[in-house]
Amino acid sequence: MPTPSDPAPRNDAERLFECVECGKRLCSAEKITTCPGCGAMMQNLSRPRPE
């Protein structure tokens, strides 16, 4: 069964968010705080991580 690819931001205003519980990933220009699938917290994967 093919694995769906990660969504990619379509422009500079969009960010990639991932659910910390179920792993669902979404792109949005608006801040997403809760997963529409399970209601858990979403994490912004687009912000730089500390080294």
Protein backbone atom coordinates (compact mmCIF):
# COMPACT_ATOMS: atom_id res chain seq x y z
CA MET A 1 0.00 0.00 0.00
CA PRO A 2 1.53 3.38 -0.95
CA THR A 3 2.42 5.79 1.82
CA PRO A 4 1.04 9.32 1.33
CA SER A 5 3.76 11.94 1.03
CA ASP A 6 4.05 14.78 3.52
CA PRO A 7 2.17 17.93 2.58
CA ALA A 8 4.49 20.72 1.47
CA PRO A 9 3.94 24.45 2.01
CA ARG A 10 2.74 26.07 -1.19
CA ASN A 11 4.14 29.51 -0.37
CA ASP A 12 6.30 31.32 2.18
CA ALA A 13 3.31 32.13 4.41
CA GLU A 14 2.42 28.47 5.00
CA ARG A 15 3.93 26.34 7.75
CA LEU A 16 4.00 22.57 8.34
CA PHE A 17 2.36 21.29 11.53
CA GLU A 18 2.45 17.76 12.99
CA CYS A 19 0.24 16.16 15.65
CA VAL A 20 2.29 14.94 18.62
CA GLU A 21 -0.14 12.03 19.21
CA CYS A 22 -1.26 10.60 15.84
CA GLY A 23 1.42 12.07 13.53
CA LYS A 24 -1.03 13.75 11.13
CA ARG A 25 0.67 16.57 9.17
CA LEU A 26 -1.01 19.66 7.76
CA CYS A 27 0.13 22.85 6.00
CA SER A 28 -1.51 26.15 6.83
CA ALA A 29 -0.82 29.88 6.76
CA GLU A 30 -2.75 30.08 10.06
CA LYS A 31 -1.49 28.65 13.35
CA ILE A 32 -2.95 25.19 14.03
CA THR A 33 -2.98 24.34 17.74
CA THR A 34 -5.14 21.19 17.87
CA CYS A 35 -5.31 18.19 15.55
CA PRO A 36 -8.59 17.98 13.63
CA GLY A 37 -8.36 14.19 13.76
CA CYS A 38 -7.67 13.38 17.42
CA GLY A 39 -7.75 16.75 19.24
CA ALA A 40 -4.15 16.56 20.49
CA MET A 41 -1.58 19.37 20.32
CA MET A 42 -0.02 20.27 16.95
CA GLN A 43 3.71 21.11 16.68
CA ASN A 44 5.11 23.62 14.18
CA LEU A 45 7.80 21.78 12.18
CA SER A 46 8.69 24.87 10.12
CA ARG A 47 10.36 26.87 12.88
CA PRO A 48 14.12 26.52 13.28
CA ARG A 49 15.27 24.07 15.93
CA PRO A 50 18.03 24.95 18.40
CA GLU A 51 21.36 23.27 17.67
